[in-house]
Amino acid sequence: MTINVYTEQTPNPATMKFMVNKLLINGSEDFATKESAESSPFAKELFKFNFVNGVFFASNFVTITKTEDAEWGDIEAILKEFVKGAVEAELKIKEAADEAPSFEGTETEIKIQQILHDYVRPAVEQDGGAITYKSFDEGVVTVELRGSCSGCPSSTITLKSGIQNLLQRMVPEVKEVVSEAL
């Protein structure tokens, strides 16, 4: 199989989404720091580039966050070539085995997690990010935004207008959705 890599801009100008025509991972993995990438041969190699500031994997893409001083025009082709080679060489994203999502908690919490997984996650992944359910307490859903969503100027709008409205419509117990700061 020939591996093709193409890039997509994300709403966050510091991140670029590198799409490949192959499933890389079930779920997602976020490596916000060089130190956190120790368990990932793929991410560890990416962090060897001094202009890489964050690496995030989900389904068929890797979102790369660049350092402030780097310009996409200078580094995009280099990263595209690296991602293509890494996928062809089947460089592992993580050492542990992948597993299907399991939802825990009360009936309401499970319903919230299922909605986030089925409706919100695919949309957020399209922009190169990920959303993780953290908790539900007294009507407040706490989530964590990662990948290109982390630090993105439009993530607050997405959170309040999109995710909060959807959850309030589908789960009447939800009063508010907040993001946990990383």
C-alpha atoms as a PDB file:
ATOM      1  CA  MET A   1       0.000   0.000   0.000  1.00  0.00           C
ATOM      2  CA  THR A   2       1.325   3.404  -0.971  1.00  0.00           C
ATOM      3  CA  ILE A   3       1.141   5.814   1.946  1.00  0.00           C
ATOM      4  CA  ASN A   4      -0.121   9.280   1.044  1.00  0.00           C
ATOM      5  CA  VAL A   5       0.211  12.204   3.419  1.00  0.00           C
ATOM      6  CA  TYR A   6      -1.589  15.499   3.034  1.00  0.00           C
ATOM      7  CA  THR A   7      -1.886  18.408   5.399  1.00  0.00           C
ATOM      8  CA  GLU A   8      -4.845  20.383   6.652  1.00  0.00           C
ATOM      9  CA  GLN A   9      -4.762  23.610   8.563  1.00  0.00           C
ATOM     10  CA  THR A  10      -6.558  23.573  11.890  1.00  0.00           C
ATOM     11  CA  PRO A  11      -8.334  26.458  13.669  1.00  0.00           C
ATOM     12  CA  ASN A  12      -5.176  26.719  15.808  1.00  0.00           C
ATOM     13  CA  PRO A  13      -2.408  28.448  13.771  1.00  0.00           C
ATOM     14  CA  ALA A  14       0.314  26.679  15.794  1.00  0.00           C
ATOM     15  CA  THR A  15      -0.892  23.205  14.746  1.00  0.00           C
ATOM     16  CA  MET A  16      -1.077  21.359  11.453  1.00  0.00           C
ATOM     17  CA  LYS A  17      -2.932  18.122  10.784  1.00  0.00           C
ATOM     18  CA  PHE A  18      -0.993  15.469   8.823  1.00  0.00           C
ATOM     19  CA  MET A  19      -3.552  13.063   7.340  1.00  0.00           C
ATOM     20  CA  VAL A  20      -2.599   9.603   6.080  1.00  0.00           C
ATOM     21  CA  ASN A  21      -4.584   7.050   4.098  1.00  0.00           C
ATOM     22  CA  LYS A  22      -4.259   4.422   6.827  1.00  0.00           C
ATOM     23  CA  LEU A  23      -5.686   3.943  10.327  1.00  0.00           C
ATOM     24  CA  LEU A  24      -2.917   4.825  12.781  1.00  0.00           C
ATOM     25  CA  ILE A  25      -4.661   4.303  16.119  1.00  0.00           C
ATOM     26  CA  ASN A  26      -8.020   3.455  17.663  1.00  0.00           C
ATOM     27  CA  GLY A  27      -8.780   6.341  19.995  1.00  0.00           C
ATOM     28  CA  SER A  28      -6.157   9.028  20.505  1.00  0.00           C
ATOM     29  CA  GLU A  29      -2.796   9.692  22.145  1.00  0.00           C
ATOM     30  CA  ASP A  30      -1.522  13.103  23.183  1.00  0.00           C
ATOM     31  CA  PHE A  31       2.148  13.916  23.763  1.00  0.00           C
ATOM     32  CA  ALA A  32       2.231  17.547  24.892  1.00  0.00           C
ATOM     33  CA  THR A  33       5.886  17.376  25.949  1.00  0.00           C
ATOM     34  CA  LYS A  34       9.070  15.652  24.821  1.00  0.00           C
ATOM     35  CA  GLU A  35       9.170  13.809  28.183  1.00  0.00           C
ATOM     36  CA  SER A  36       5.650  12.398  27.746  1.00  0.00           C
ATOM     37  CA  ALA A  37       6.679  10.864  24.397  1.00  0.00           C
ATOM     38  CA  GLU A  38       9.028   8.288  25.953  1.00  0.00           C
ATOM     39  CA  SER A  39       6.421   5.515  25.500  1.00  0.00           C
ATOM     40  CA  SER A  40       5.892   6.383  21.822  1.00  0.00           C
ATOM     41  CA  PRO A  41       8.612   5.602  19.277  1.00  0.00           C
ATOM     42  CA  PHE A  42       6.741   7.694  16.639  1.00  0.00           C
ATOM     43  CA  ALA A  43       6.287  10.781  18.866  1.00  0.00           C
ATOM     44  CA  LYS A  44       9.811  10.449  20.271  1.00  0.00           C
ATOM     45  CA  GLU A  45      11.247  10.701  16.740  1.00  0.00           C
ATOM     46  CA  LEU A  46       9.070  13.742  15.948  1.00  0.00           C
ATOM     47  CA  PHE A  47      10.312  15.536  19.069  1.00  0.00           C
ATOM     48  CA  LYS A  48      13.880  15.181  17.735  1.00  0.00           C
ATOM     49  CA  PHE A  49      12.968  18.064  15.410  1.00  0.00           C
ATOM     50  CA  ASN A  50      13.704  21.202  17.454  1.00  0.00           C
ATOM     51  CA  PHE A  51      10.635  22.945  15.974  1.00  0.00           C
ATOM     52  CA  VAL A  52       8.138  20.310  17.249  1.00  0.00           C
ATOM     53  CA  ASN A  53       6.363  21.399  20.416  1.00  0.00           C
ATOM     54  CA  GLY A  54       3.548  18.835  20.664  1.00  0.00           C
ATOM     55  CA  VAL A  55       2.311  15.653  18.987  1.00  0.00           C
ATOM     56  CA  PHE A  56      -1.219  14.262  18.953  1.00  0.00           C
ATOM     57  CA  PHE A  57      -2.466  11.084  17.222  1.00  0.00           C
ATOM     58  CA  ALA A  58      -6.054  10.076  16.411  1.00  0.00           C
ATOM     59  CA  SER A  59      -7.522   7.662  13.839  1.00  0.00           C
ATOM     60  CA  ASN A  60      -5.752   8.488  10.539  1.00  0.00           C
ATOM     61  CA  PHE A  61      -3.804  11.620  11.415  1.00  0.00           C
ATOM     62  CA  VAL A  62      -1.100  13.186  13.537  1.00  0.00           C
ATOM     63  CA  THR A  63      -1.473  16.795  14.657  1.00  0.00           C
ATOM     64  CA  ILE A  64       1.843  18.522  15.168  1.00  0.00           C
ATOM     65  CA  THR A  65       2.263  21.712  17.187  1.00  0.00           C
ATOM     66  CA  LYS A  66       5.208  23.856  16.125  1.00  0.00           C
ATOM     67  CA  THR A  67       7.354  26.188  18.188  1.00  0.00           C
ATOM     68  CA  GLU A  68       6.578  29.922  17.908  1.00  0.00           C
ATOM     69  CA  ASP A  69       9.728  30.710  15.945  1.00  0.00           C
ATOM     70  CA  ALA A  70       9.083  28.078  13.222  1.00  0.00           C
ATOM     71  CA  GLU A  71       7.120  28.814  10.029  1.00  0.00           C
ATOM     72  CA  TRP A  72       4.919  26.154   8.415  1.00  0.00           C
ATOM     73  CA  GLY A  73       6.336  27.105   5.011  1.00  0.00           C
ATOM     74  CA  ASP A  74       9.797  26.032   6.190  1.00  0.00           C
ATOM     75  CA  ILE A  75       8.888  22.808   8.007  1.00  0.00           C
ATOM     76  CA  GLU A  76       5.693  21.374   6.466  1.00  0.00           C
ATOM     77  CA  ALA A  77       7.447  19.407   3.678  1.00  0.00           C
ATOM     78  CA  ILE A  78      10.046  18.003   6.109  1.00  0.00           C
ATOM     79  CA  LEU A  79       7.328  16.800   8.505  1.00  0.00           C
ATOM     80  CA  LYS A  80       5.204  15.384   5.664  1.00  0.00           C
ATOM     81  CA  GLU A  81       8.159  13.317   4.453  1.00  0.00           C
ATOM     82  CA  PHE A  82       8.934  12.150   8.004  1.00  0.00           C
ATOM     83  CA  VAL A  83       5.304  11.130   8.711  1.00  0.00           C
ATOM     84  CA  LYS A  84       5.166   9.190   5.405  1.00  0.00           C
ATOM     85  CA  GLY A  85       8.392   7.332   6.256  1.00  0.00           C
ATOM     86  CA  ALA A  86       7.320   6.620   9.839  1.00  0.00           C
ATOM     87  CA  VAL A  87       3.956   5.195   8.730  1.00  0.00           C
ATOM     88  CA  GLU A  88       5.623   3.088   6.006  1.00  0.00           C
ATOM     89  CA  ALA A  89       8.114   1.766   8.568  1.00  0.00           C
ATOM     90  CA  GLU A  90       5.171   1.050  10.918  1.00  0.00           C
ATOM     91  CA  LEU A  91       6.746   3.054  13.731  1.00  0.00           C
ATOM     92  CA  LYS A  92       4.601   2.416  16.815  1.00  0.00           C
ATOM     93  CA  ILE A  93       2.504   5.207  18.316  1.00  0.00           C
ATOM     94  CA  LYS A  94       2.477   3.515  21.689  1.00  0.00           C
ATOM     95  CA  GLU A  95       3.784   0.281  23.124  1.00  0.00           C
ATOM     96  CA  ALA A  96       0.599  -0.865  24.924  1.00  0.00           C
ATOM     97  CA  ALA A  97      -2.302  -2.573  23.167  1.00  0.00           C
ATOM     98  CA  ASP A  98      -5.284  -0.520  21.989  1.00  0.00           C
ATOM     99  CA  GLU A  99      -8.649  -1.132  23.623  1.00  0.00           C
ATOM    100  CA  ALA A 100     -12.233  -0.117  22.959  1.00  0.00           C
ATOM    101  CA  PRO A 101     -13.666   2.732  25.041  1.00  0.00           C
ATOM    102  CA  SER A 102     -15.434   1.727  28.247  1.00  0.00           C
ATOM    103  CA  PHE A 103     -17.746   4.168  29.946  1.00  0.00           C
ATOM    104  CA  GLU A 104     -18.228   4.208  33.709  1.00  0.00           C
ATOM    105  CA  GLY A 105     -20.394   6.030  36.216  1.00  0.00           C
ATOM    106  CA  THR A 106     -24.079   6.741  36.692  1.00  0.00           C
ATOM    107  CA  GLU A 107     -26.608   6.319  33.888  1.00  0.00           C
ATOM    108  CA  THR A 108     -26.356  10.073  33.156  1.00  0.00           C
ATOM    109  CA  GLU A 109     -22.524   9.980  33.107  1.00  0.00           C
ATOM    110  CA  ILE A 110     -22.514   7.022  30.713  1.00  0.00           C
ATOM    111  CA  LYS A 111     -25.000   8.826  28.438  1.00  0.00           C
ATOM    112  CA  ILE A 112     -22.780  11.965  28.429  1.00  0.00           C
ATOM    113  CA  GLN A 113     -19.668   9.915  27.613  1.00  0.00           C
ATOM    114  CA  GLN A 114     -21.494   8.079  24.809  1.00  0.00           C
ATOM    115  CA  ILE A 115     -22.659  11.396  23.240  1.00  0.00           C
ATOM    116  CA  LEU A 116     -19.154  12.869  23.488  1.00  0.00           C
ATOM    117  CA  HIS A 117     -17.708   9.720  21.889  1.00  0.00           C
ATOM    118  CA  ASP A 118     -20.306   9.360  19.100  1.00  0.00           C
ATOM    119  CA  TYR A 119     -21.056  12.976  18.152  1.00  0.00           C
ATOM    120  CA  VAL A 120     -18.407  15.341  19.503  1.00  0.00           C
ATOM    121  CA  ARG A 121     -15.199  13.299  19.134  1.00  0.00           C
ATOM    122  CA  PRO A 122     -15.445  12.868  15.314  1.00  0.00           C
ATOM    123  CA  ALA A 123     -16.030  16.613  14.807  1.00  0.00           C
ATOM    124  CA  VAL A 124     -13.201  17.620  17.140  1.00  0.00           C
ATOM    125  CA  GLU A 125     -10.890  15.069  15.457  1.00  0.00           C
ATOM    126  CA  GLN A 126     -11.633  16.680  12.086  1.00  0.00           C
ATOM    127  CA  ASP A 127      -9.983  19.824  13.428  1.00  0.00           C
ATOM    128  CA  GLY A 128      -6.983  17.835  14.667  1.00  0.00           C
ATOM    129  CA  GLY A 129      -7.954  17.639  18.316  1.00  0.00           C
ATOM    130  CA  ALA A 130      -9.549  15.432  20.928  1.00  0.00           C
ATOM    131  CA  ILE A 131     -11.990  15.705  23.784  1.00  0.00           C
ATOM    132  CA  THR A 132     -11.899  13.594  26.933  1.00  0.00           C
ATOM    133  CA  TYR A 133     -14.664  13.304  29.500  1.00  0.00           C
ATOM    134  CA  LYS A 134     -13.406  14.083  33.017  1.00  0.00           C
ATOM    135  CA  SER A 135     -16.431  14.371  35.330  1.00  0.00           C
ATOM    136  CA  PHE A 136     -20.080  15.291  35.858  1.00  0.00           C
ATOM    137  CA  ASP A 137     -20.933  17.063  39.099  1.00  0.00           C
ATOM    138  CA  GLU A 138     -24.107  19.004  39.998  1.00  0.00           C
ATOM    139  CA  GLY A 139     -25.003  19.658  36.345  1.00  0.00           C
ATOM    140  CA  VAL A 140     -21.462  20.603  35.249  1.00  0.00           C
ATOM    141  CA  VAL A 141     -19.651  18.424  32.706  1.00  0.00           C
ATOM    142  CA  THR A 142     -15.869  18.798  32.789  1.00  0.00           C
ATOM    143  CA  VAL A 143     -13.911  17.823  29.680  1.00  0.00           C
ATOM    144  CA  GLU A 144     -10.284  18.050  28.593  1.00  0.00           C
ATOM    145  CA  LEU A 145      -9.407  19.402  25.148  1.00  0.00           C
ATOM    146  CA  ARG A 146      -6.187  18.158  23.532  1.00  0.00           C
ATOM    147  CA  GLY A 147      -4.302  18.280  20.246  1.00  0.00           C
ATOM    148  CA  SER A 148      -5.082  21.373  18.188  1.00  0.00           C
ATOM    149  CA  CYS A 149      -7.970  22.218  20.572  1.00  0.00           C
ATOM    150  CA  SER A 150      -5.538  22.844  23.395  1.00  0.00           C
ATOM    151  CA  GLY A 151      -4.898  26.581  23.345  1.00  0.00           C
ATOM    152  CA  CYS A 152      -7.032  27.160  20.243  1.00  0.00           C
ATOM    153  CA  PRO A 153      -8.712  30.577  20.159  1.00  0.00           C
ATOM    154  CA  SER A 154     -12.059  29.118  19.003  1.00  0.00           C
ATOM    155  CA  SER A 155     -12.215  26.224  21.507  1.00  0.00           C
ATOM    156  CA  THR A 156     -14.318  28.259  23.987  1.00  0.00           C
ATOM    157  CA  ILE A 157     -16.937  28.901  21.287  1.00  0.00           C
ATOM    158  CA  THR A 158     -16.906  25.197  20.331  1.00  0.00           C
ATOM    159  CA  LEU A 159     -17.287  24.238  23.980  1.00  0.00           C
ATOM    160  CA  LYS A 160     -20.146  26.613  24.835  1.00  0.00           C
ATOM    161  CA  SER A 161     -22.064  26.878  21.532  1.00  0.00           C
ATOM    162  CA  GLY A 162     -21.536  23.370  20.228  1.00  0.00           C
ATOM    163  CA  ILE A 163     -20.859  20.828  22.929  1.00  0.00           C
ATOM    164  CA  GLN A 164     -22.837  22.468  25.755  1.00  0.00           C
ATOM    165  CA  ASN A 165     -25.925  23.011  23.553  1.00  0.00           C
ATOM    166  CA  LEU A 166     -25.809  19.420  22.249  1.00  0.00           C
ATOM    167  CA  LEU A 167     -25.473  17.910  25.730  1.00  0.00           C
ATOM    168  CA  GLN A 168     -28.198  20.172  27.186  1.00  0.00           C
ATOM    169  CA  ARG A 169     -30.590  19.050  24.415  1.00  0.00           C
ATOM    170  CA  MET A 170     -29.799  15.343  24.833  1.00  0.00           C
ATOM    171  CA  VAL A 171     -29.229  15.182  28.612  1.00  0.00           C
ATOM    172  CA  PRO A 172     -31.521  17.603  30.499  1.00  0.00           C
ATOM    173  CA  GLU A 173     -29.430  17.209  33.704  1.00  0.00           C
ATOM    174  CA  VAL A 174     -26.520  19.062  32.029  1.00  0.00           C
ATOM    175  CA  LYS A 175     -26.394  22.750  32.963  1.00  0.00           C
ATOM    176  CA  GLU A 176     -22.889  23.693  31.808  1.00  0.00           C
ATOM    177  CA  VAL A 177     -19.785  22.298  30.094  1.00  0.00           C
ATOM    178  CA  VAL A 178     -16.334  23.477  31.185  1.00  0.00           C
ATOM    179  CA  SER A 179     -12.826  22.610  30.054  1.00  0.00           C
ATOM    180  CA  GLU A 180     -10.167  21.528  32.481  1.00  0.00           C
ATOM    181  CA  ALA A 181      -6.986  23.526  31.957  1.00  0.00           C
ATOM    182  CA  LEU A 182      -3.953  21.457  31.022  1.00  0.00           C
END
